[in-house]
């Protein structure tokens, strides 16, 4: 398996169910696997976008 990105976790302990924000550097290969994208700004959800390419892999 090829690794596309690695991350470093802060030295503090994380609790089970802690929130982790992941910002992908690209998402084109997985967007069609989801029906919607949740849009957030400043830690608040500000909308949802429909994914028109849902299920269109050939």
C-alpha atoms as a PDB file:
ATOM      1  CA  UNK A   1       0.000   0.000   0.000  1.00  0.00           C
ATOM      2  CA  UNK A   2       1.289   3.441  -0.894  1.00  0.00           C
ATOM      3  CA  UNK A   3       1.188   6.178   1.738  1.00  0.00           C
ATOM      4  CA  UNK A   4       0.097   9.533   0.389  1.00  0.00           C
ATOM      5  CA  UNK A   5       0.393  11.594   3.540  1.00  0.00           C
ATOM      6  CA  UNK A   6       1.637  11.194   7.079  1.00  0.00           C
ATOM      7  CA  UNK A   7       0.821  13.307  10.116  1.00  0.00           C
ATOM      8  CA  UNK A   8       2.306  14.059  13.494  1.00  0.00           C
ATOM      9  CA  UNK A   9       0.034  14.029  16.508  1.00  0.00           C
ATOM     10  CA  UNK A  10       0.494  16.591  19.255  1.00  0.00           C
ATOM     11  CA  UNK A  11       2.291  15.257  22.321  1.00  0.00           C
ATOM     12  CA  UNK A  12      -0.795  15.578  24.490  1.00  0.00           C
ATOM     13  CA  UNK A  13      -2.972  12.533  25.124  1.00  0.00           C
ATOM     14  CA  UNK A  14      -6.094  12.231  23.006  1.00  0.00           C
ATOM     15  CA  UNK A  15      -9.251  10.759  24.478  1.00  0.00           C
ATOM     16  CA  UNK A  16     -11.422   8.179  22.770  1.00  0.00           C
ATOM     17  CA  UNK A  17     -13.917   9.973  20.500  1.00  0.00           C
ATOM     18  CA  UNK A  18     -11.780  13.125  20.368  1.00  0.00           C
ATOM     19  CA  UNK A  19     -12.394  15.267  17.301  1.00  0.00           C
ATOM     20  CA  UNK A  20      -9.640  15.331  14.742  1.00  0.00           C
ATOM     21  CA  UNK A  21      -9.752  17.688  11.776  1.00  0.00           C
ATOM     22  CA  UNK A  22      -8.314  16.199   8.618  1.00  0.00           C
ATOM     23  CA  UNK A  23      -7.887  18.469   5.634  1.00  0.00           C
ATOM     24  CA  UNK A  24      -7.079  16.382   2.573  1.00  0.00           C
ATOM     25  CA  UNK A  25      -4.664  17.735   0.009  1.00  0.00           C
ATOM     26  CA  UNK A  26      -6.849  16.180  -2.685  1.00  0.00           C
ATOM     27  CA  UNK A  27     -10.147  14.340  -2.700  1.00  0.00           C
ATOM     28  CA  UNK A  28     -10.951  13.689  -6.344  1.00  0.00           C
ATOM     29  CA  UNK A  29     -10.612   9.901  -6.067  1.00  0.00           C
ATOM     30  CA  UNK A  30     -13.150   9.497  -3.270  1.00  0.00           C
ATOM     31  CA  UNK A  31     -15.730  12.235  -3.819  1.00  0.00           C
ATOM     32  CA  UNK A  32     -18.064   9.941  -5.765  1.00  0.00           C
ATOM     33  CA  UNK A  33     -18.318   7.645  -2.727  1.00  0.00           C
ATOM     34  CA  UNK A  34     -20.328  10.216  -0.779  1.00  0.00           C
ATOM     35  CA  UNK A  35     -23.753  11.762  -1.336  1.00  0.00           C
ATOM     36  CA  UNK A  36     -22.874  15.076   0.277  1.00  0.00           C
ATOM     37  CA  UNK A  37     -20.010  17.185   1.567  1.00  0.00           C
ATOM     38  CA  UNK A  38     -20.429  19.009   4.866  1.00  0.00           C
ATOM     39  CA  UNK A  39     -19.023  22.530   4.645  1.00  0.00           C
ATOM     40  CA  UNK A  40     -17.507  24.049   7.791  1.00  0.00           C
ATOM     41  CA  UNK A  41     -16.085  27.470   8.500  1.00  0.00           C
ATOM     42  CA  UNK A  42     -14.570  28.538  11.788  1.00  0.00           C
ATOM     43  CA  UNK A  43     -15.522  25.221  13.386  1.00  0.00           C
ATOM     44  CA  UNK A  44     -19.208  25.641  12.525  1.00  0.00           C
ATOM     45  CA  UNK A  45     -21.176  23.773   9.880  1.00  0.00           C
ATOM     46  CA  UNK A  46     -22.329  26.340   7.324  1.00  0.00           C
ATOM     47  CA  UNK A  47     -23.843  24.113   4.673  1.00  0.00           C
ATOM     48  CA  UNK A  48     -23.966  20.901   2.712  1.00  0.00           C
ATOM     49  CA  UNK A  49     -23.096  20.350  -0.937  1.00  0.00           C
ATOM     50  CA  UNK A  50     -24.596  17.527  -2.986  1.00  0.00           C
ATOM     51  CA  UNK A  51     -22.076  15.373  -4.854  1.00  0.00           C
ATOM     52  CA  UNK A  52     -23.379  15.055  -8.419  1.00  0.00           C
ATOM     53  CA  UNK A  53     -20.775  12.396  -9.258  1.00  0.00           C
ATOM     54  CA  UNK A  54     -22.127   9.975  -6.618  1.00  0.00           C
ATOM     55  CA  UNK A  55     -21.833   6.402  -7.923  1.00  0.00           C
ATOM     56  CA  UNK A  56     -20.490   7.336 -11.363  1.00  0.00           C
ATOM     57  CA  UNK A  57     -17.292   5.287 -11.364  1.00  0.00           C
ATOM     58  CA  UNK A  58     -16.840   3.372 -14.616  1.00  0.00           C
END
